PDB file of N, CA and C in Angstrom:
ATOM      1  N   MET A   1       3.552  -4.726  22.661  1.00  0.00           N
ATOM      2  CA  MET A   1       3.210  -4.046  21.424  1.00  0.00           C
ATOM      3  C   MET A   1       1.839  -3.386  21.595  1.00  0.00           C
ATOM      4  N   VAL A   2       1.702  -2.193  21.097  1.00  0.00           N
ATOM      5  CA  VAL A   2       0.496  -1.401  21.267  1.00  0.00           C
ATOM      6  C   VAL A   2      -0.499  -1.709  20.151  1.00  0.00           C
ATOM      7  N   GLY A   3      -1.802  -1.568  20.455  1.00  0.00           N
ATOM      8  CA  GLY A   3      -2.870  -1.887  19.512  1.00  0.00           C
ATOM      9  C   GLY A   3      -2.775  -1.192  18.173  1.00  0.00           C
ATOM     10  N   GLY A   4      -2.367   0.093  18.171  1.00  0.00           N
ATOM     11  CA  GLY A   4      -2.261   0.828  16.913  1.00  0.00           C
ATOM     12  C   GLY A   4      -1.220   0.241  15.980  1.00  0.00           C
ATOM     13  N   VAL A   5      -0.129  -0.256  16.547  1.00  0.00           N
ATOM     14  CA  VAL A   5       0.930  -0.852  15.729  1.00  0.00           C
ATOM     15  C   VAL A   5       0.462  -2.192  15.167  1.00  0.00           C
ATOM     16  N   VAL A   6      -0.264  -2.966  15.971  1.00  0.00           N
ATOM     17  CA  VAL A   6      -0.822  -4.236  15.482  1.00  0.00           C
ATOM     18  C   VAL A   6      -1.811  -3.963  14.353  1.00  0.00           C
ATOM     19  N   PHE A   7      -2.679  -2.967  14.557  1.00  0.00           N
ATOM     20  CA  PHE A   7      -3.649  -2.562  13.541  1.00  0.00           C
ATOM     21  C   PHE A   7      -2.934  -2.192  12.244  1.00  0.00           C
ATOM     22  N   ALA A   8      -1.894  -1.366  12.355  1.00  0.00           N
ATOM     23  CA  ALA A   8      -1.130  -0.941  11.180  1.00  0.00           C
ATOM     24  C   ALA A   8      -0.431  -2.126  10.527  1.00  0.00           C
ATOM     25  N   GLY A   9       0.119  -3.035  11.333  1.00  0.00           N
ATOM     26  CA  GLY A   9       0.802  -4.204  10.781  1.00  0.00           C
ATOM     27  C   GLY A   9      -0.127  -5.087   9.976  1.00  0.00           C
ATOM     28  N   VAL A  10      -1.315  -5.340  10.520  1.00  0.00           N
ATOM     29  CA  VAL A  10      -2.298  -6.170   9.802  1.00  0.00           C
ATOM     30  C   VAL A  10      -2.739  -5.474   8.520  1.00  0.00           C
ATOM     31  N   LEU A  11      -3.027  -4.167   8.609  1.00  0.00           N
ATOM     32  CA  LEU A  11      -3.430  -3.424   7.408  1.00  0.00           C
ATOM     33  C   LEU A  11      -2.324  -3.406   6.362  1.00  0.00           C
ATOM     34  N   MET A  12      -1.075  -3.272   6.804  1.00  0.00           N
ATOM     35  CA  MET A  12       0.039  -3.275   5.842  1.00  0.00           C
ATOM     36  C   MET A  12       0.175  -4.630   5.165  1.00  0.00           C
ATOM     37  N   LEU A  13       0.029  -5.701   5.937  1.00  0.00           N
ATOM     38  CA  LEU A  13       0.073  -7.040   5.325  1.00  0.00           C
ATOM     39  C   LEU A  13      -1.017  -7.182   4.274  1.00  0.00           C
ATOM     40  N   LEU A  14      -2.235  -6.797   4.631  1.00  0.00           N
ATOM     41  CA  LEU A  14      -3.347  -6.889   3.679  1.00  0.00           C
ATOM     42  C   LEU A  14      -3.135  -5.982   2.480  1.00  0.00           C
ATOM     43  N   ASN A  15      -2.689  -4.764   2.736  1.00  0.00           N
ATOM     44  CA  ASN A  15      -2.429  -3.823   1.653  1.00  0.00           C
ATOM     45  C   ASN A  15      -1.360  -4.368   0.709  1.00  0.00           C
ATOM     46  N   GLY A  16      -0.317  -4.976   1.279  1.00  0.00           N
ATOM     47  CA  GLY A  16       0.741  -5.549   0.461  1.00  0.00           C
ATOM     48  C   GLY A  16       0.236  -6.690  -0.397  1.00  0.00           C
ATOM     49  N   ILE A  17      -0.542  -7.587   0.208  1.00  0.00           N
ATOM     50  CA  ILE A  17      -1.102  -8.716  -0.550  1.00  0.00           C
ATOM     51  C   ILE A  17      -2.001  -8.212  -1.663  1.00  0.00           C
ATOM     52  N   LEU A  18      -2.883  -7.257  -1.342  1.00  0.00           N
ATOM     53  CA  LEU A  18      -3.789  -6.717  -2.358  1.00  0.00           C
ATOM     54  C   LEU A  18      -3.022  -5.972  -3.453  1.00  0.00           C
ATOM     55  N   SER A  19      -1.966  -5.287  -3.081  1.00  0.00           N
ATOM     56  CA  SER A  19      -1.157  -4.570  -4.065  1.00  0.00           C
ATOM     57  C   SER A  19      -0.446  -5.542  -5.007  1.00  0.00           C
ATOM     58  N   VAL A  20       0.063  -6.642  -4.458  1.00  0.00           N
ATOM     59  CA  VAL A  20       0.695  -7.662  -5.305  1.00  0.00           C
ATOM     60  C   VAL A  20      -0.333  -8.230  -6.279  1.00  0.00           C
ATOM     61  N   LEU A  21      -1.526  -8.548  -5.783  1.00  0.00           N
ATOM     62  CA  LEU A  21      -2.576  -9.082  -6.663  1.00  0.00           C
ATOM     63  C   LEU A  21      -2.979  -8.065  -7.725  1.00  0.00           C
ATOM     64  N   GLN A  22      -3.060  -6.797  -7.343  1.00  0.00           N
ATOM     65  CA  GLN A  22      -3.376  -5.730  -8.292  1.00  0.00           C
ATOM     66  C   GLN A  22      -2.288  -5.641  -9.357  1.00  0.00           C
ATOM     67  N   GLY A  23      -1.043  -5.748  -8.933  1.00  0.00           N
ATOM     68  CA  GLY A  23       0.074  -5.686  -9.875  1.00  0.00           C
ATOM     69  C   GLY A  23       0.101  -6.867 -10.823  1.00  0.00           C
ATOM     70  N   VAL A  24      -0.153  -8.058 -10.294  1.00  0.00           N
ATOM     71  CA  VAL A  24      -0.181  -9.254 -11.144  1.00  0.00           C
ATOM     72  C   VAL A  24      -1.287  -9.128 -12.181  1.00  0.00           C
ATOM     73  N   ALA A  25      -2.449  -8.604 -11.772  1.00  0.00           N
ATOM     74  CA  ALA A  25      -3.547  -8.410 -12.720  1.00  0.00           C
ATOM     75  C   ALA A  25      -3.151  -7.424 -13.813  1.00  0.00           C
ATOM     76  N   ALA A  26      -2.437  -6.377 -13.449  1.00  0.00           N
ATOM     77  CA  ALA A  26      -2.017  -5.383 -14.440  1.00  0.00           C
ATOM     78  C   ALA A  26      -0.964  -5.951 -15.384  1.00  0.00           C
ATOM     79  N   ILE A  27      -0.081  -6.808 -14.868  1.00  0.00           N
ATOM     80  CA  ILE A  27       0.974  -7.384 -15.710  1.00  0.00           C
ATOM     81  C   ILE A  27       0.411  -8.447 -16.644  1.00  0.00           C
ATOM     82  N   SER A  28      -0.416  -9.339 -16.117  1.00  0.00           N
ATOM     83  CA  SER A  28      -0.838 -10.503 -16.894  1.00  0.00           C
ATOM     84  C   SER A  28      -1.915 -10.210 -17.932  1.00  0.00           C
ATOM     85  N   GLU A  29      -2.867  -9.421 -17.575  1.00  0.00           N
ATOM     86  CA  GLU A  29      -3.976  -9.161 -18.491  1.00  0.00           C
ATOM     87  C   GLU A  29      -4.178  -7.669 -18.642  1.00  0.00           C
ATOM     88  N   ASN A  30      -3.709  -7.112 -19.726  1.00  0.00           N
ATOM     89  CA  ASN A  30      -3.863  -5.678 -19.918  1.00  0.00           C
ATOM     90  C   ASN A  30      -5.309  -5.251 -20.119  1.00  0.00           C
ATOM     91  N   ASP A  31      -6.230  -6.190 -20.305  1.00  0.00           N
ATOM     92  CA  ASP A  31      -7.628  -5.807 -20.472  1.00  0.00           C
ATOM     93  C   ASP A  31      -8.396  -5.823 -19.152  1.00  0.00           C
ATOM     94  N   VAL A  32      -7.718  -6.073 -18.040  1.00  0.00           N
ATOM     95  CA  VAL A  32      -8.376  -6.044 -16.730  1.00  0.00           C
ATOM     96  C   VAL A  32      -8.728  -4.611 -16.362  1.00  0.00           C
ATOM     97  N   TYR A  33      -7.860  -3.674 -16.668  1.00  0.00           N
ATOM     98  CA  TYR A  33      -8.085  -2.280 -16.340  1.00  0.00           C
ATOM     99  C   TYR A  33      -8.493  -1.503 -17.574  1.00  0.00           C
ATOM    100  N   ALA A  34      -9.314  -0.488 -17.365  1.00  0.00           N
ATOM    101  CA  ALA A  34      -9.794   0.347 -18.463  1.00  0.00           C
ATOM    102  C   ALA A  34      -8.640   1.125 -19.081  1.00  0.00           C
ATOM    103  N   ARG A  35      -8.743   1.345 -20.345  1.00  0.00           N
ATOM    104  CA  ARG A  35      -7.743   2.162 -21.030  1.00  0.00           C
ATOM    105  C   ARG A  35      -7.990   3.625 -20.702  1.00  0.00           C
ATOM    106  N   VAL A  36      -6.926   4.334 -20.476  1.00  0.00           N
ATOM    107  CA  VAL A  36      -7.023   5.755 -20.170  1.00  0.00           C
ATOM    108  C   VAL A  36      -6.472   6.509 -21.365  1.00  0.00           C
ATOM    109  N   GLY A  37      -7.215   7.524 -21.794  1.00  0.00           N
ATOM    110  CA  GLY A  37      -6.781   8.312 -22.942  1.00  0.00           C
ATOM    111  C   GLY A  37      -5.486   9.038 -22.649  1.00  0.00           C
ATOM    112  N   THR A  38      -5.535  10.340 -22.583  1.00  0.00           N
ATOM    113  CA  THR A  38      -4.349  11.103 -22.237  1.00  0.00           C
ATOM    114  C   THR A  38      -4.363  11.346 -20.732  1.00  0.00           C
ATOM    115  N   TYR A  39      -3.260  11.042 -20.120  1.00  0.00           N
ATOM    116  CA  TYR A  39      -3.147  11.126 -18.670  1.00  0.00           C
ATOM    117  C   TYR A  39      -1.740  11.620 -18.365  1.00  0.00           C
ATOM    118  N   VAL A  40      -1.633  12.603 -17.510  1.00  0.00           N
ATOM    119  CA  VAL A  40      -0.345  13.233 -17.224  1.00  0.00           C
ATOM    120  C   VAL A  40       0.687  12.212 -16.749  1.00  0.00           C
ATOM    121  N   TYR A  41       0.276  11.287 -15.881  1.00  0.00           N
ATOM    122  CA  TYR A  41       1.202  10.308 -15.303  1.00  0.00           C
ATOM    123  C   TYR A  41       1.066   8.954 -15.985  1.00  0.00           C
ATOM    124  N   GLU A  42       0.847   8.988 -17.296  1.00  0.00           N
ATOM    125  CA  GLU A  42       0.616   7.771 -18.051  1.00  0.00           C
ATOM    126  C   GLU A  42       1.846   6.863 -18.022  1.00  0.00           C
ATOM    127  N   LEU A  43       1.582   5.602 -17.754  1.00  0.00           N
ATOM    128  CA  LEU A  43       2.621   4.582 -17.727  1.00  0.00           C
ATOM    129  C   LEU A  43       1.971   3.311 -18.242  1.00  0.00           C
ATOM    130  N   ASP A  44       2.708   2.507 -18.951  1.00  0.00           N
ATOM    131  CA  ASP A  44       2.197   1.235 -19.433  1.00  0.00           C
ATOM    132  C   ASP A  44       1.685   0.415 -18.253  1.00  0.00           C
ATOM    133  N   LEU A  45       0.597  -0.327 -18.456  1.00  0.00           N
ATOM    134  CA  LEU A  45       0.035  -1.126 -17.364  1.00  0.00           C
ATOM    135  C   LEU A  45       1.026  -2.146 -16.822  1.00  0.00           C
ATOM    136  N   THR A  46       1.901  -2.647 -17.666  1.00  0.00           N
ATOM    137  CA  THR A  46       2.926  -3.569 -17.177  1.00  0.00           C
ATOM    138  C   THR A  46       3.859  -2.846 -16.211  1.00  0.00           C
ATOM    139  N   GLY A  47       4.193  -1.612 -16.511  1.00  0.00           N
ATOM    140  CA  GLY A  47       5.013  -0.808 -15.610  1.00  0.00           C
ATOM    141  C   GLY A  47       4.320  -0.586 -14.277  1.00  0.00           C
ATOM    142  N   TRP A  48       3.026  -0.237 -14.327  1.00  0.00           N
ATOM    143  CA  TRP A  48       2.263  -0.080 -13.092  1.00  0.00           C
ATOM    144  C   TRP A  48       2.201  -1.394 -12.322  1.00  0.00           C
ATOM    145  N   GLY A  49       2.053  -2.494 -13.051  1.00  0.00           N
ATOM    146  CA  GLY A  49       2.005  -3.797 -12.395  1.00  0.00           C
ATOM    147  C   GLY A  49       3.281  -4.107 -11.645  1.00  0.00           C
ATOM    148  N   VAL A  50       4.413  -3.832 -12.262  1.00  0.00           N
ATOM    149  CA  VAL A  50       5.700  -4.072 -11.605  1.00  0.00           C
ATOM    150  C   VAL A  50       5.833  -3.186 -10.366  1.00  0.00           C
ATOM    151  N   ILE A  51       5.436  -1.924 -10.483  1.00  0.00           N
ATOM    152  CA  ILE A  51       5.484  -1.016  -9.327  1.00  0.00           C
ATOM    153  C   ILE A  51       4.648  -1.571  -8.181  1.00  0.00           C
ATOM    154  N   HIS A  52       3.427  -2.026  -8.483  1.00  0.00           N
ATOM    155  CA  HIS A  52       2.539  -2.543  -7.441  1.00  0.00           C
ATOM    156  C   HIS A  52       3.060  -3.847  -6.835  1.00  0.00           C
ATOM    157  N   VAL A  53       3.633  -4.710  -7.642  1.00  0.00           N
ATOM    158  CA  VAL A  53       4.164  -5.973  -7.114  1.00  0.00           C
ATOM    159  C   VAL A  53       5.348  -5.711  -6.187  1.00  0.00           C
ATOM    160  N   VAL A  54       6.271  -4.858  -6.617  1.00  0.00           N
ATOM    161  CA  VAL A  54       7.451  -4.564  -5.794  1.00  0.00           C
ATOM    162  C   VAL A  54       7.035  -3.849  -4.509  1.00  0.00           C
ATOM    163  N   LEU A  55       6.212  -2.822  -4.638  1.00  0.00           N
ATOM    164  CA  LEU A  55       5.758  -2.082  -3.465  1.00  0.00           C
ATOM    165  C   LEU A  55       4.970  -2.996  -2.526  1.00  0.00           C
ATOM    166  N   GLY A  56       4.127  -3.857  -3.097  1.00  0.00           N
ATOM    167  CA  GLY A  56       3.358  -4.796  -2.286  1.00  0.00           C
ATOM    168  C   GLY A  56       4.247  -5.754  -1.515  1.00  0.00           C
ATOM    169  N   GLY A  57       5.284  -6.239  -2.158  1.00  0.00           N
ATOM    170  CA  GLY A  57       6.216  -7.145  -1.481  1.00  0.00           C
ATOM    171  C   GLY A  57       6.905  -6.482  -0.307  1.00  0.00           C
ATOM    172  N   VAL A  58       7.323  -5.232  -0.495  1.00  0.00           N
ATOM    173  CA  VAL A  58       7.981  -4.500   0.587  1.00  0.00           C
ATOM    174  C   VAL A  58       6.975  -4.165   1.697  1.00  0.00           C
ATOM    175  N   LEU A  59       5.726  -3.877   1.322  1.00  0.00           N
ATOM    176  CA  LEU A  59       4.687  -3.634   2.326  1.00  0.00           C
ATOM    177  C   LEU A  59       4.439  -4.886   3.169  1.00  0.00           C
ATOM    178  N   ILE A  60       4.435  -6.040   2.532  1.00  0.00           N
ATOM    179  CA  ILE A  60       4.245  -7.295   3.263  1.00  0.00           C
ATOM    180  C   ILE A  60       5.376  -7.488   4.272  1.00  0.00           C
ATOM    181  N   LEU A  61       6.606  -7.302   3.834  1.00  0.00           N
ATOM    182  CA  LEU A  61       7.755  -7.458   4.738  1.00  0.00           C
ATOM    183  C   LEU A  61       7.693  -6.472   5.903  1.00  0.00           C
ATOM    184  N   THR A  62       7.313  -5.246   5.621  1.00  0.00           N
ATOM    185  CA  THR A  62       7.240  -4.238   6.673  1.00  0.00           C
ATOM    186  C   THR A  62       6.079  -4.526   7.622  1.00  0.00           C
ATOM    187  N   GLY A  63       4.944  -4.960   7.085  1.00  0.00           N
ATOM    188  CA  GLY A  63       3.823  -5.348   7.938  1.00  0.00           C
ATOM    189  C   GLY A  63       4.213  -6.484   8.868  1.00  0.00           C
ATOM    190  N   TRP A  64       4.938  -7.446   8.338  1.00  0.00           N
ATOM    191  CA  TRP A  64       5.444  -8.558   9.156  1.00  0.00           C
ATOM    192  C   TRP A  64       6.398  -8.022  10.229  1.00  0.00           C
ATOM    193  N   GLY A  65       7.253  -7.084   9.842  1.00  0.00           N
ATOM    194  CA  GLY A  65       8.170  -6.477  10.804  1.00  0.00           C
ATOM    195  C   GLY A  65       7.423  -5.739  11.910  1.00  0.00           C
ATOM    196  N   LEU A  66       6.332  -5.063  11.570  1.00  0.00           N
ATOM    197  CA  LEU A  66       5.521  -4.391  12.584  1.00  0.00           C
ATOM    198  C   LEU A  66       4.921  -5.400  13.552  1.00  0.00           C
ATOM    199  N   LEU A  67       4.409  -6.496  13.032  1.00  0.00           N
ATOM    200  CA  LEU A  67       3.807  -7.516  13.891  1.00  0.00           C
ATOM    201  C   LEU A  67       4.848  -8.220  14.749  1.00  0.00           C
ATOM    202  N   ARG A  68       6.088  -8.241  14.301  1.00  0.00           N
ATOM    203  CA  ARG A  68       7.190  -8.833  15.080  1.00  0.00           C
ATOM    204  C   ARG A  68       7.844  -7.796  15.993  1.00  0.00           C
ATOM    205  N   ASP A  69       7.311  -6.566  15.991  1.00  0.00           N
ATOM    206  CA  ASP A  69       7.778  -5.468  16.844  1.00  0.00           C
ATOM    207  C   ASP A  69       9.229  -5.087  16.568  1.00  0.00           C
ATOM    208  N   MET A  70       9.591  -5.073  15.296  1.00  0.00           N
ATOM    209  CA  MET A  70      10.933  -4.680  14.885  1.00  0.00           C
ATOM    210  C   MET A  70      11.058  -3.148  14.936  1.00  0.00           C
ATOM    211  N   ALA A  71      12.179  -2.674  15.410  1.00  0.00           N
ATOM    212  CA  ALA A  71      12.376  -1.234  15.612  1.00  0.00           C
ATOM    213  C   ALA A  71      12.300  -0.443  14.300  1.00  0.00           C
ATOM    214  N   TRP A  72      12.833  -0.967  13.215  1.00  0.00           N
ATOM    215  CA  TRP A  72      12.894  -0.258  11.938  1.00  0.00           C
ATOM    216  C   TRP A  72      11.533  -0.141  11.264  1.00  0.00           C
ATOM    217  N   ALA A  73      10.601  -1.015  11.627  1.00  0.00           N
ATOM    218  CA  ALA A  73       9.364  -1.151  10.864  1.00  0.00           C
ATOM    219  C   ALA A  73       8.417   0.036  10.997  1.00  0.00           C
ATOM    220  N   ARG A  74       8.447   0.733  12.119  1.00  0.00           N
ATOM    221  CA  ARG A  74       7.504   1.843  12.308  1.00  0.00           C
ATOM    222  C   ARG A  74       7.788   2.983  11.327  1.00  0.00           C
ATOM    223  N   VAL A  75       9.021   3.424  11.250  1.00  0.00           N
ATOM    224  CA  VAL A  75       9.374   4.509  10.323  1.00  0.00           C
ATOM    225  C   VAL A  75       9.240   4.028   8.883  1.00  0.00           C
ATOM    226  N   ALA A  76       9.715   2.818   8.613  1.00  0.00           N
ATOM    227  CA  ALA A  76       9.586   2.262   7.263  1.00  0.00           C
ATOM    228  C   ALA A  76       8.117   2.155   6.868  1.00  0.00           C
ATOM    229  N   GLY A  77       7.268   1.796   7.817  1.00  0.00           N
ATOM    230  CA  GLY A  77       5.834   1.676   7.545  1.00  0.00           C
ATOM    231  C   GLY A  77       5.211   2.998   7.136  1.00  0.00           C
ATOM    232  N   ILE A  78       5.591   4.069   7.821  1.00  0.00           N
ATOM    233  CA  ILE A  78       5.057   5.391   7.463  1.00  0.00           C
ATOM    234  C   ILE A  78       5.529   5.800   6.069  1.00  0.00           C
ATOM    235  N   VAL A  79       6.808   5.579   5.787  1.00  0.00           N
ATOM    236  CA  VAL A  79       7.357   5.941   4.473  1.00  0.00           C
ATOM    237  C   VAL A  79       6.698   5.113   3.371  1.00  0.00           C
ATOM    238  N   LEU A  80       6.586   3.797   3.582  1.00  0.00           N
ATOM    239  CA  LEU A  80       6.008   2.932   2.550  1.00  0.00           C
ATOM    240  C   LEU A  80       4.521   3.170   2.349  1.00  0.00           C
ATOM    241  N   ALA A  81       3.788   3.408   3.434  1.00  0.00           N
ATOM    242  CA  ALA A  81       2.362   3.717   3.290  1.00  0.00           C
ATOM    243  C   ALA A  81       2.186   5.026   2.531  1.00  0.00           C
ATOM    244  N   SER A  82       3.086   5.983   2.744  1.00  0.00           N
ATOM    245  CA  SER A  82       3.033   7.242   2.002  1.00  0.00           C
ATOM    246  C   SER A  82       3.306   7.010   0.511  1.00  0.00           C
ATOM    247  N   LEU A  83       4.313   6.184   0.214  1.00  0.00           N
ATOM    248  CA  LEU A  83       4.595   5.854  -1.185  1.00  0.00           C
ATOM    249  C   LEU A  83       3.437   5.104  -1.830  1.00  0.00           C
ATOM    250  N   SER A  84       2.841   4.203  -1.080  1.00  0.00           N
ATOM    251  CA  SER A  84       1.692   3.454  -1.581  1.00  0.00           C
ATOM    252  C   SER A  84       0.522   4.397  -1.863  1.00  0.00           C
ATOM    253  N   LEU A  85       0.312   5.355  -0.981  1.00  0.00           N
ATOM    254  CA  LEU A  85      -0.764   6.322  -1.183  1.00  0.00           C
ATOM    255  C   LEU A  85      -0.535   7.105  -2.472  1.00  0.00           C
ATOM    256  N   ILE A  86       0.695   7.530  -2.710  1.00  0.00           N
ATOM    257  CA  ILE A  86       1.026   8.269  -3.932  1.00  0.00           C
ATOM    258  C   ILE A  86       0.827   7.388  -5.165  1.00  0.00           C
ATOM    259  N   ALA A  87       1.288   6.144  -5.093  1.00  0.00           N
ATOM    260  CA  ALA A  87       1.134   5.227  -6.230  1.00  0.00           C
ATOM    261  C   ALA A  87      -0.341   4.992  -6.545  1.00  0.00           C
ATOM    262  N   GLU A  88      -1.152   4.823  -5.504  1.00  0.00           N
ATOM    263  CA  GLU A  88      -2.591   4.612  -5.734  1.00  0.00           C
ATOM    264  C   GLU A  88      -3.243   5.862  -6.303  1.00  0.00           C
ATOM    265  N   PHE A  89      -2.802   7.042  -5.857  1.00  0.00           N
ATOM    266  CA  PHE A  89      -3.337   8.274  -6.413  1.00  0.00           C
ATOM    267  C   PHE A  89      -3.032   8.360  -7.906  1.00  0.00           C
ATOM    268  N   LEU A  90      -1.807   8.006  -8.273  1.00  0.00           N
ATOM    269  CA  LEU A  90      -1.424   8.057  -9.686  1.00  0.00           C
ATOM    270  C   LEU A  90      -2.132   6.977 -10.504  1.00  0.00           C
ATOM    271  N   PHE A  91      -2.596   5.919  -9.846  1.00  0.00           N
ATOM    272  CA  PHE A  91      -3.290   4.817 -10.521  1.00  0.00           C
ATOM    273  C   PHE A  91      -4.803   5.043 -10.584  1.00  0.00           C
ATOM    274  N   LEU A  92      -5.290   6.144 -10.019  1.00  0.00           N
ATOM    275  CA  LEU A  92      -6.729   6.446  -9.973  1.00  0.00           C
ATOM    276  C   LEU A  92      -7.465   6.276 -11.302  1.00  0.00           C
ATOM    277  N   PRO A  93      -6.952   6.762 -12.432  1.00  0.00           N
ATOM    278  CA  PRO A  93      -7.710   6.636 -13.680  1.00  0.00           C
ATOM    279  C   PRO A  93      -7.952   5.185 -14.108  1.00  0.00           C
ATOM    280  N   TYR A  94      -7.103   4.267 -13.685  1.00  0.00           N
ATOM    281  CA  TYR A  94      -7.234   2.874 -14.100  1.00  0.00           C
ATOM    282  C   TYR A  94      -8.244   2.115 -13.251  1.00  0.00           C
ATOM    283  N   ALA A  95      -8.307   2.405 -11.960  1.00  0.00           N
ATOM    284  CA  ALA A  95      -9.223   1.714 -11.043  1.00  0.00           C
ATOM    285  C   ALA A  95      -9.615   2.700  -9.940  1.00  0.00           C
ATOM    286  N   PRO A  96     -10.532   3.623 -10.227  1.00  0.00           N
ATOM    287  CA  PRO A  96     -10.814   4.710  -9.294  1.00  0.00           C
ATOM    288  C   PRO A  96     -11.318   4.257  -7.916  1.00  0.00           C
ATOM    289  N   VAL A  97     -12.313   3.411  -7.871  1.00  0.00           N
ATOM    290  CA  VAL A  97     -12.879   3.004  -6.581  1.00  0.00           C
ATOM    291  C   VAL A  97     -11.854   2.206  -5.784  1.00  0.00           C
ATOM    292  N   TRP A  98     -11.198   1.265  -6.449  1.00  0.00           N
ATOM    293  CA  TRP A  98     -10.191   0.443  -5.779  1.00  0.00           C
ATOM    294  C   TRP A  98      -9.053   1.305  -5.242  1.00  0.00           C
ATOM    295  N   SER A  99      -8.598   2.257  -6.033  1.00  0.00           N
ATOM    296  CA  SER A  99      -7.502   3.127  -5.603  1.00  0.00           C
ATOM    297  C   SER A  99      -7.901   3.958  -4.387  1.00  0.00           C
ATOM    298  N   ILE A 100      -9.140   4.432  -4.341  1.00  0.00           N
ATOM    299  CA  ILE A 100      -9.604   5.210  -3.189  1.00  0.00           C
ATOM    300  C   ILE A 100      -9.642   4.344  -1.938  1.00  0.00           C
ATOM    301  N   VAL A 101     -10.099   3.096  -2.072  1.00  0.00           N
ATOM    302  CA  VAL A 101     -10.113   2.178  -0.923  1.00  0.00           C
ATOM    303  C   VAL A 101      -8.687   1.936  -0.429  1.00  0.00           C
ATOM    304  N   MET A 102      -7.769   1.687  -1.343  1.00  0.00           N
ATOM    305  CA  MET A 102      -6.379   1.438  -0.964  1.00  0.00           C
ATOM    306  C   MET A 102      -5.745   2.693  -0.345  1.00  0.00           C
ATOM    307  N   MET A 103      -6.100   3.874  -0.860  1.00  0.00           N
ATOM    308  CA  MET A 103      -5.592   5.107  -0.273  1.00  0.00           C
ATOM    309  C   MET A 103      -6.102   5.275   1.158  1.00  0.00           C
ATOM    310  N   ALA A 104      -7.357   4.912   1.400  1.00  0.00           N
ATOM    311  CA  ALA A 104      -7.910   4.995   2.758  1.00  0.00           C
ATOM    312  C   ALA A 104      -7.153   4.059   3.703  1.00  0.00           C
ATOM    313  N   ILE A 105      -6.830   2.867   3.238  1.00  0.00           N
ATOM    314  CA  ILE A 105      -6.048   1.935   4.052  1.00  0.00           C
ATOM    315  C   ILE A 105      -4.687   2.547   4.375  1.00  0.00           C
ATOM    316  N   ASP A 106      -4.052   3.161   3.379  1.00  0.00           N
ATOM    317  CA  ASP A 106      -2.751   3.803   3.604  1.00  0.00           C
ATOM    318  C   ASP A 106      -2.845   4.912   4.652  1.00  0.00           C
ATOM    319  N   VAL A 107      -3.916   5.708   4.585  1.00  0.00           N
ATOM    320  CA  VAL A 107      -4.103   6.784   5.555  1.00  0.00           C
ATOM    321  C   VAL A 107      -4.266   6.205   6.962  1.00  0.00           C
ATOM    322  N   PHE A 108      -5.030   5.129   7.097  1.00  0.00           N
ATOM    323  CA  PHE A 108      -5.192   4.487   8.410  1.00  0.00           C
ATOM    324  C   PHE A 108      -3.855   3.968   8.931  1.00  0.00           C
ATOM    325  N   VAL A 109      -3.048   3.395   8.058  1.00  0.00           N
ATOM    326  CA  VAL A 109      -1.735   2.889   8.476  1.00  0.00           C
ATOM    327  C   VAL A 109      -0.851   4.043   8.954  1.00  0.00           C
ATOM    328  N   ILE A 110      -0.806   5.120   8.182  1.00  0.00           N
ATOM    329  CA  ILE A 110       0.005   6.278   8.573  1.00  0.00           C
ATOM    330  C   ILE A 110      -0.473   6.819   9.915  1.00  0.00           C
ATOM    331  N   TRP A 111      -1.783   6.960  10.075  1.00  0.00           N
ATOM    332  CA  TRP A 111      -2.328   7.463  11.333  1.00  0.00           C
ATOM    333  C   TRP A 111      -1.964   6.547  12.499  1.00  0.00           C
ATOM    334  N   ALA A 112      -2.132   5.248  12.320  1.00  0.00           N
ATOM    335  CA  ALA A 112      -1.858   4.304  13.407  1.00  0.00           C
ATOM    336  C   ALA A 112      -0.384   4.311  13.796  1.00  0.00           C
ATOM    337  N   LEU A 113       0.504   4.465  12.831  1.00  0.00           N
ATOM    338  CA  LEU A 113       1.934   4.453  13.132  1.00  0.00           C
ATOM    339  C   LEU A 113       2.438   5.799  13.637  1.00  0.00           C
ATOM    340  N   ALA A 114       1.819   6.881  13.195  1.00  0.00           N
ATOM    341  CA  ALA A 114       2.276   8.209  13.601  1.00  0.00           C
ATOM    342  C   ALA A 114       1.707   8.621  14.959  1.00  0.00           C
ATOM    343  N   SER A 115       0.594   8.030  15.341  1.00  0.00           N
ATOM    344  CA  SER A 115      -0.012   8.357  16.639  1.00  0.00           C
ATOM    345  C   SER A 115       0.799   7.704  17.738  1.00  0.00           C
ATOM    346  N   ARG A 116       0.981   8.434  18.798  1.00  0.00           N
ATOM    347  CA  ARG A 116       1.727   7.896  19.934  1.00  0.00           C
ATOM    348  C   ARG A 116       0.712   7.360  20.928  1.00  0.00           C
ATOM    349  N   HIS A 117       0.660   6.063  21.042  1.00  0.00           N
ATOM    350  CA  HIS A 117      -0.250   5.425  21.999  1.00  0.00           C
ATOM    351  C   HIS A 117       0.586   4.880  23.152  1.00  0.00           C
ATOM    352  N   GLU A 118       0.594   5.619  24.232  1.00  0.00           N
ATOM    353  CA  GLU A 118       1.342   5.161  25.408  1.00  0.00           C
ATOM    354  C   GLU A 118       0.474   4.161  26.163  1.00  0.00           C
ATOM    355  N   HIS A 119       1.087   3.098  26.583  1.00  0.00           N
ATOM    356  CA  HIS A 119       0.370   2.060  27.338  1.00  0.00           C
ATOM    357  C   HIS A 119       0.845   2.134  28.777  1.00  0.00           C
ATOM    358  N   HIS A 120      -0.067   2.529  29.663  1.00  0.00           N
ATOM    359  CA  HIS A 120       0.275   2.638  31.085  1.00  0.00           C
ATOM    360  C   HIS A 120      -0.231   1.431  31.838  1.00  0.00           C
ATOM    361  N   ALA A 121       0.604   0.946  32.735  1.00  0.00           N
ATOM    362  CA  ALA A 121       0.206  -0.216  33.536  1.00  0.00           C
ATOM    363  C   ALA A 121      -0.513   0.204  34.797  1.00  0.00           C
TER     364      ALA A 121
END
């Protein structure tokens, strides 16, 4: 297994765990996140919480698959990191700094999985 895939797998696991925690916070306590006035992509915080929990769970499974060197995990990782990036972008008004950090993690995962790192002996 190549270093970039291990890097992406670890980041995906962490991103998934953090996304689940973010989702649980949004579901359980609606006062954790700031209220947003009018917002084009407005969704109830419970809805956002469910999205983050489900996406986080799938990110965890895919990160585990990357670390286990499963063939399906590389393409799934790029797709899921892209979806996570979009979800975090849409969640920006609720937690701007946190969403930017999570988006950066998603970009690193996409880069690590999309880059071809050939290992020569």
